[in-house]
Every structure is written in structure tokens, then in C-alpha cells.
Amino acid sequence: MPATIIKNFNPNDPRTEGEKYLLEVFRTSLRFEGWTVFEQPHINSMKPDFVLTHPQKGILIIEVRIGI
């Protein structure tokens, strides 16, 4: 089973194309099995695009940027 996704339901925070792509990767890839993905959580007044947690592997904080 792929990652557990905790979605952001705030309509004032639309997803970028990169965020949509990465969220779909989290949703479908078996590589993220056991991970919990938080979409745009508020952490100490900061708001990264994704925070991933895993009980044995730790925490990942991801900010999606556009490459040119």
C-alpha cells in the first residue's frame, strides 16, 4: 500500500503543477509504503509543501520549486 496522504483542504492554497505531480507519485508509488504525507501543513508559522514521516526512517520536509 502506498503512502497515507493527509490532504490540505484550504481552497486558498491551490496546488502547483509540480505539487500535483509529486502528490500523485506519493499516492501511487510503492516506494513510499509506510510513509505518512502531510500536504501543506502549518509548522511554527512555516508552511512547507509536504512533510513525510516514517516511524523507522524519519522525517522529510519538501518544498517544490519550478526549475528553469
PDB file of N, CA and C in Angstrom:
ATOM      1  N   MET A   1       0.840  -1.183   0.000  1.00  0.00           N
ATOM      2  CA  MET A   1       0.000   0.000   0.000  1.00  0.00           C
ATOM      3  C   MET A   1       0.884   1.244   0.000  1.00  0.00           C
ATOM      4  N   PRO A   2       0.644   2.176  -0.922  1.00  0.00           N
ATOM      5  CA  PRO A   2       1.433   3.411  -0.970  1.00  0.00           C
ATOM      6  C   PRO A   2       1.211   4.281   0.273  1.00  0.00           C
ATOM      7  N   ALA A   3       1.748   5.468   0.259  1.00  0.00           N
ATOM      8  CA  ALA A   3       1.718   6.378   1.408  1.00  0.00           C
ATOM      9  C   ALA A   3       0.294   6.753   1.810  1.00  0.00           C
ATOM     10  N   THR A   4       0.137   7.064   3.085  1.00  0.00           N
ATOM     11  CA  THR A   4      -1.100   7.639   3.597  1.00  0.00           C
ATOM     12  C   THR A   4      -1.014   9.139   3.379  1.00  0.00           C
ATOM     13  N   ILE A   5      -2.010   9.722   2.718  1.00  0.00           N
ATOM     14  CA  ILE A   5      -1.997  11.146   2.374  1.00  0.00           C
ATOM     15  C   ILE A   5      -2.955  11.896   3.297  1.00  0.00           C
ATOM     16  N   ILE A   6      -2.448  12.933   3.962  1.00  0.00           N
ATOM     17  CA  ILE A   6      -3.282  13.840   4.742  1.00  0.00           C
ATOM     18  C   ILE A   6      -3.363  15.128   3.928  1.00  0.00           C
ATOM     19  N   LYS A   7      -4.511  15.344   3.270  1.00  0.00           N
ATOM     20  CA  LYS A   7      -4.653  16.451   2.328  1.00  0.00           C
ATOM     21  C   LYS A   7      -4.898  17.786   3.018  1.00  0.00           C
ATOM     22  N   ASN A   8      -4.549  18.848   2.312  1.00  0.00           N
ATOM     23  CA  ASN A   8      -4.849  20.206   2.715  1.00  0.00           C
ATOM     24  C   ASN A   8      -6.183  20.576   2.069  1.00  0.00           C
ATOM     25  N   PHE A   9      -7.164  20.930   2.863  1.00  0.00           N
ATOM     26  CA  PHE A   9      -8.478  21.247   2.317  1.00  0.00           C
ATOM     27  C   PHE A   9      -8.737  22.739   2.229  1.00  0.00           C
ATOM     28  N   ASN A  10      -7.688  23.572   2.339  1.00  0.00           N
ATOM     29  CA  ASN A  10      -7.842  25.017   2.247  1.00  0.00           C
ATOM     30  C   ASN A  10      -7.915  25.429   0.775  1.00  0.00           C
ATOM     31  N   PRO A  11      -9.066  25.941   0.318  1.00  0.00           N
ATOM     32  CA  PRO A  11      -9.189  26.323  -1.096  1.00  0.00           C
ATOM     33  C   PRO A  11      -8.328  27.530  -1.477  1.00  0.00           C
ATOM     34  N   ASN A  12      -7.798  28.262  -0.491  1.00  0.00           N
ATOM     35  CA  ASN A  12      -6.935  29.402  -0.770  1.00  0.00           C
ATOM     36  C   ASN A  12      -5.498  28.991  -1.048  1.00  0.00           C
ATOM     37  N   ASP A  13      -5.203  27.705  -0.979  1.00  0.00           N
ATOM     38  CA  ASP A  13      -3.867  27.174  -1.254  1.00  0.00           C
ATOM     39  C   ASP A  13      -3.921  26.218  -2.448  1.00  0.00           C
ATOM     40  N   PRO A  14      -4.062  26.737  -3.660  1.00  0.00           N
ATOM     41  CA  PRO A  14      -4.120  25.832  -4.818  1.00  0.00           C
ATOM     42  C   PRO A  14      -2.783  25.147  -5.038  1.00  0.00           C
ATOM     43  N   ARG A  15      -2.835  23.934  -5.582  1.00  0.00           N
ATOM     44  CA  ARG A  15      -1.610  23.172  -5.873  1.00  0.00           C
ATOM     45  C   ARG A  15      -0.990  23.646  -7.176  1.00  0.00           C
ATOM     46  N   THR A  16       0.336  23.672  -7.196  1.00  0.00           N
ATOM     47  CA  THR A  16       1.047  23.945  -8.442  1.00  0.00           C
ATOM     48  C   THR A  16       1.112  22.644  -9.236  1.00  0.00           C
ATOM     49  N   GLU A  17       1.528  22.711 -10.484  1.00  0.00           N
ATOM     50  CA  GLU A  17       1.669  21.506 -11.306  1.00  0.00           C
ATOM     51  C   GLU A  17       2.694  20.549 -10.695  1.00  0.00           C
ATOM     52  N   GLY A  18       3.794  21.095 -10.170  1.00  0.00           N
ATOM     53  CA  GLY A  18       4.811  20.258  -9.541  1.00  0.00           C
ATOM     54  C   GLY A  18       4.283  19.557  -8.301  1.00  0.00           C
ATOM     55  N   GLU A  19       3.485  20.256  -7.503  1.00  0.00           N
ATOM     56  CA  GLU A  19       2.898  19.657  -6.304  1.00  0.00           C
ATOM     57  C   GLU A  19       1.901  18.563  -6.676  1.00  0.00           C
ATOM     58  N   LYS A  20       1.119  18.798  -7.723  1.00  0.00           N
ATOM     59  CA  LYS A  20       0.169  17.777  -8.184  1.00  0.00           C
ATOM     60  C   LYS A  20       0.905  16.518  -8.633  1.00  0.00           C
ATOM     61  N   TYR A  21       1.991  16.709  -9.375  1.00  0.00           N
ATOM     62  CA  TYR A  21       2.773  15.581  -9.860  1.00  0.00           C
ATOM     63  C   TYR A  21       3.355  14.786  -8.691  1.00  0.00           C
ATOM     64  N   LEU A  22       3.989  15.484  -7.748  1.00  0.00           N
ATOM     65  CA  LEU A  22       4.626  14.805  -6.634  1.00  0.00           C
ATOM     66  C   LEU A  22       3.589  14.112  -5.745  1.00  0.00           C
ATOM     67  N   LEU A  23       2.439  14.718  -5.541  1.00  0.00           N
ATOM     68  CA  LEU A  23       1.378  14.090  -4.753  1.00  0.00           C
ATOM     69  C   LEU A  23       0.907  12.796  -5.411  1.00  0.00           C
ATOM     70  N   GLU A  24       0.839  12.792  -6.727  1.00  0.00           N
ATOM     71  CA  GLU A  24       0.449  11.575  -7.445  1.00  0.00           C
ATOM     72  C   GLU A  24       1.519  10.485  -7.305  1.00  0.00           C
ATOM     73  N   VAL A  25       2.785  10.872  -7.300  1.00  0.00           N
ATOM     74  CA  VAL A  25       3.869   9.906  -7.078  1.00  0.00           C
ATOM     75  C   VAL A  25       3.740   9.298  -5.685  1.00  0.00           C
ATOM     76  N   PHE A  26       3.499  10.128  -4.680  1.00  0.00           N
ATOM     77  CA  PHE A  26       3.313   9.613  -3.321  1.00  0.00           C
ATOM     78  C   PHE A  26       2.130   8.658  -3.255  1.00  0.00           C
ATOM     79  N   ARG A  27       1.085   8.977  -3.978  1.00  0.00           N
ATOM     80  CA  ARG A  27      -0.155   8.194  -3.940  1.00  0.00           C
ATOM     81  C   ARG A  27      -0.017   6.839  -4.634  1.00  0.00           C
ATOM     82  N   THR A  28       0.831   6.736  -5.657  1.00  0.00           N
ATOM     83  CA  THR A  28       0.858   5.529  -6.476  1.00  0.00           C
ATOM     84  C   THR A  28       2.121   4.673  -6.325  1.00  0.00           C
ATOM     85  N   SER A  29       3.214   5.247  -5.857  1.00  0.00           N
ATOM     86  CA  SER A  29       4.482   4.509  -5.806  1.00  0.00           C
ATOM     87  C   SER A  29       4.596   3.665  -4.538  1.00  0.00           C
ATOM     88  N   LEU A  30       4.964   2.413  -4.707  1.00  0.00           N
ATOM     89  CA  LEU A  30       5.180   1.528  -3.560  1.00  0.00           C
ATOM     90  C   LEU A  30       6.426   1.914  -2.768  1.00  0.00           C
ATOM     91  N   ARG A  31       7.263   2.761  -3.328  1.00  0.00           N
ATOM     92  CA  ARG A  31       8.467   3.230  -2.640  1.00  0.00           C
ATOM     93  C   ARG A  31       8.124   3.991  -1.354  1.00  0.00           C
ATOM     94  N   PHE A  32       6.924   4.570  -1.309  1.00  0.00           N
ATOM     95  CA  PHE A  32       6.517   5.358  -0.146  1.00  0.00           C
ATOM     96  C   PHE A  32       5.604   4.585   0.795  1.00  0.00           C
ATOM     97  N   GLU A  33       5.632   3.266   0.688  1.00  0.00           N
ATOM     98  CA  GLU A  33       4.847   2.421   1.587  1.00  0.00           C
ATOM     99  C   GLU A  33       5.285   2.647   3.031  1.00  0.00           C
ATOM    100  N   GLY A  34       4.320   2.866   3.917  1.00  0.00           N
ATOM    101  CA  GLY A  34       4.620   3.096   5.323  1.00  0.00           C
ATOM    102  C   GLY A  34       4.821   4.553   5.695  1.00  0.00           C
ATOM    103  N   TRP A  35       4.922   5.418   4.699  1.00  0.00           N
ATOM    104  CA  TRP A  35       5.102   6.847   4.949  1.00  0.00           C
ATOM    105  C   TRP A  35       3.736   7.514   5.121  1.00  0.00           C
ATOM    106  N   THR A  36       3.696   8.579   5.910  1.00  0.00           N
ATOM    107  CA  THR A  36       2.530   9.443   6.005  1.00  0.00           C
ATOM    108  C   THR A  36       2.929  10.779   5.409  1.00  0.00           C
ATOM    109  N   VAL A  37       2.123  11.275   4.460  1.00  0.00           N
ATOM    110  CA  VAL A  37       2.416  12.523   3.761  1.00  0.00           C
ATOM    111  C   VAL A  37       1.413  13.581   4.208  1.00  0.00           C
ATOM    112  N   PHE A  38       1.922  14.677   4.740  1.00  0.00           N
ATOM    113  CA  PHE A  38       1.083  15.814   5.122  1.00  0.00           C
ATOM    114  C   PHE A  38       1.251  16.879   4.059  1.00  0.00           C
ATOM    115  N   GLU A  39       0.152  17.298   3.448  1.00  0.00           N
ATOM    116  CA  GLU A  39       0.201  18.301   2.385  1.00  0.00           C
ATOM    117  C   GLU A  39       0.017  19.693   2.980  1.00  0.00           C
ATOM    118  N   GLN A  40       0.978  20.566   2.760  1.00  0.00           N
ATOM    119  CA  GLN A  40       0.997  21.958   3.199  1.00  0.00           C
ATOM    120  C   GLN A  40       0.601  22.135   4.666  1.00  0.00           C
ATOM    121  N   PRO A  41       1.311  21.465   5.579  1.00  0.00           N
ATOM    122  CA  PRO A  41       0.997  21.640   6.999  1.00  0.00           C
ATOM    123  C   PRO A  41       1.563  22.963   7.531  1.00  0.00           C
ATOM    124  N   HIS A  42       0.966  23.487   8.574  1.00  0.00           N
ATOM    125  CA  HIS A  42       1.488  24.678   9.253  1.00  0.00           C
ATOM    126  C   HIS A  42       2.377  24.214  10.396  1.00  0.00           C
ATOM    127  N   ILE A  43       3.657  24.588  10.350  1.00  0.00           N
ATOM    128  CA  ILE A  43       4.627  24.194  11.376  1.00  0.00           C
ATOM    129  C   ILE A  43       5.353  25.446  11.847  1.00  0.00           C
ATOM    130  N   ASN A  44       5.060  25.893  13.056  1.00  0.00           N
ATOM    131  CA  ASN A  44       5.722  27.082  13.620  1.00  0.00           C
ATOM    132  C   ASN A  44       5.713  28.255  12.641  1.00  0.00           C
ATOM    133  N   SER A  45       4.575  28.584  12.125  1.00  0.00           N
ATOM    134  CA  SER A  45       4.326  29.677  11.177  1.00  0.00           C
ATOM    135  C   SER A  45       4.970  29.450   9.808  1.00  0.00           C
ATOM    136  N   MET A  46       5.555  28.280   9.577  1.00  0.00           N
ATOM    137  CA  MET A  46       6.092  27.924   8.263  1.00  0.00           C
ATOM    138  C   MET A  46       5.116  26.970   7.588  1.00  0.00           C
ATOM    139  N   LYS A  47       5.165  26.913   6.272  1.00  0.00           N
ATOM    140  CA  LYS A  47       4.224  26.087   5.543  1.00  0.00           C
ATOM    141  C   LYS A  47       4.925  25.402   4.368  1.00  0.00           C
ATOM    142  N   PRO A  48       5.666  24.308   4.633  1.00  0.00           N
ATOM    143  CA  PRO A  48       6.301  23.583   3.522  1.00  0.00           C
ATOM    144  C   PRO A  48       5.230  22.897   2.674  1.00  0.00           C
ATOM    145  N   ASP A  49       5.596  22.523   1.454  1.00  0.00           N
ATOM    146  CA  ASP A  49       4.626  21.864   0.569  1.00  0.00           C
ATOM    147  C   ASP A  49       4.258  20.479   1.084  1.00  0.00           C
ATOM    148  N   PHE A  50       5.245  19.704   1.527  1.00  0.00           N
ATOM    149  CA  PHE A  50       4.982  18.357   2.028  1.00  0.00           C
ATOM    150  C   PHE A  50       5.894  18.050   3.212  1.00  0.00           C
ATOM    151  N   VAL A  51       5.351  17.334   4.180  1.00  0.00           N
ATOM    152  CA  VAL A  51       6.145  16.745   5.257  1.00  0.00           C
ATOM    153  C   VAL A  51       5.808  15.266   5.263  1.00  0.00           C
ATOM    154  N   LEU A  52       6.842  14.435   5.143  1.00  0.00           N
ATOM    155  CA  LEU A  52       6.670  12.986   5.146  1.00  0.00           C
ATOM    156  C   LEU A  52       7.260  12.440   6.433  1.00  0.00           C
ATOM    157  N   THR A  53       6.550  11.520   7.066  1.00  0.00           N
ATOM    158  CA  THR A  53       7.054  10.888   8.282  1.00  0.00           C
ATOM    159  C   THR A  53       6.990   9.378   8.144  1.00  0.00           C
ATOM    160  N   HIS A  54       7.964   8.712   8.740  1.00  0.00           N
ATOM    161  CA  HIS A  54       8.012   7.257   8.757  1.00  0.00           C
ATOM    162  C   HIS A  54       8.563   6.846  10.113  1.00  0.00           C
ATOM    163  N   PRO A  55       7.934   5.871  10.790  1.00  0.00           N
ATOM    164  CA  PRO A  55       8.373   5.505  12.143  1.00  0.00           C
ATOM    165  C   PRO A  55       9.817   5.015  12.240  1.00  0.00           C
ATOM    166  N   GLN A  56      10.342   4.368  11.212  1.00  0.00           N
ATOM    167  CA  GLN A  56      11.716   3.871  11.260  1.00  0.00           C
ATOM    168  C   GLN A  56      12.708   4.731  10.477  1.00  0.00           C
ATOM    169  N   LYS A  57      12.226   5.470   9.489  1.00  0.00           N
ATOM    170  CA  LYS A  57      13.139   6.188   8.595  1.00  0.00           C
ATOM    171  C   LYS A  57      13.269   7.675   8.896  1.00  0.00           C
ATOM    172  N   GLY A  58      12.309   8.264   9.609  1.00  0.00           N
ATOM    173  CA  GLY A  58      12.439   9.662   9.994  1.00  0.00           C
ATOM    174  C   GLY A  58      11.463  10.590   9.311  1.00  0.00           C
ATOM    175  N   ILE A  59      11.932  11.832   9.087  1.00  0.00           N
ATOM    176  CA  ILE A  59      11.088  12.904   8.574  1.00  0.00           C
ATOM    177  C   ILE A  59      11.750  13.524   7.342  1.00  0.00           C
ATOM    178  N   LEU A  60      10.926  13.813   6.334  1.00  0.00           N
ATOM    179  CA  LEU A  60      11.361  14.554   5.144  1.00  0.00           C
ATOM    180  C   LEU A  60      10.505  15.804   5.021  1.00  0.00           C
ATOM    181  N   ILE A  61      11.141  16.951   4.774  1.00  0.00           N
ATOM    182  CA  ILE A  61      10.409  18.186   4.506  1.00  0.00           C
ATOM    183  C   ILE A  61      10.731  18.582   3.075  1.00  0.00           C
ATOM    184  N   ILE A  62       9.678  18.763   2.255  1.00  0.00           N
ATOM    185  CA  ILE A  62       9.862  19.022   0.823  1.00  0.00           C
ATOM    186  C   ILE A  62       9.199  20.338   0.446  1.00  0.00           C
ATOM    187  N   GLU A  63       9.960  21.190  -0.236  1.00  0.00           N
ATOM    188  CA  GLU A  63       9.442  22.418  -0.820  1.00  0.00           C
ATOM    189  C   GLU A  63       9.621  22.286  -2.322  1.00  0.00           C
ATOM    190  N   VAL A  64       8.535  22.313  -3.073  1.00  0.00           N
ATOM    191  CA  VAL A  64       8.573  22.124  -4.519  1.00  0.00           C
ATOM    192  C   VAL A  64       8.868  23.470  -5.179  1.00  0.00           C
ATOM    193  N   ARG A  65       9.848  23.478  -6.080  1.00  0.00           N
ATOM    194  CA  ARG A  65      10.222  24.680  -6.828  1.00  0.00           C
ATOM    195  C   ARG A  65      10.185  24.389  -8.324  1.00  0.00           C
ATOM    196  N   ILE A  66      10.019  25.442  -9.088  1.00  0.00           N
ATOM    197  CA  ILE A  66       9.997  25.327 -10.540  1.00  0.00           C
ATOM    198  C   ILE A  66      11.424  25.428 -11.057  1.00  0.00           C
ATOM    199  N   GLY A  67      11.833  24.452 -11.855  1.00  0.00           N
ATOM    200  CA  GLY A  67      13.159  24.501 -12.469  1.00  0.00           C
ATOM    201  C   GLY A  67      13.071  25.155 -13.840  1.00  0.00           C
ATOM    202  N   ILE A  68      14.042  25.965 -14.148  1.00  0.00           N
ATOM    203  CA  ILE A  68      14.051  26.659 -15.446  1.00  0.00           C
ATOM    204  C   ILE A  68      15.258  26.231 -16.235  1.00  0.00           C
TER     205      ILE A  68
END
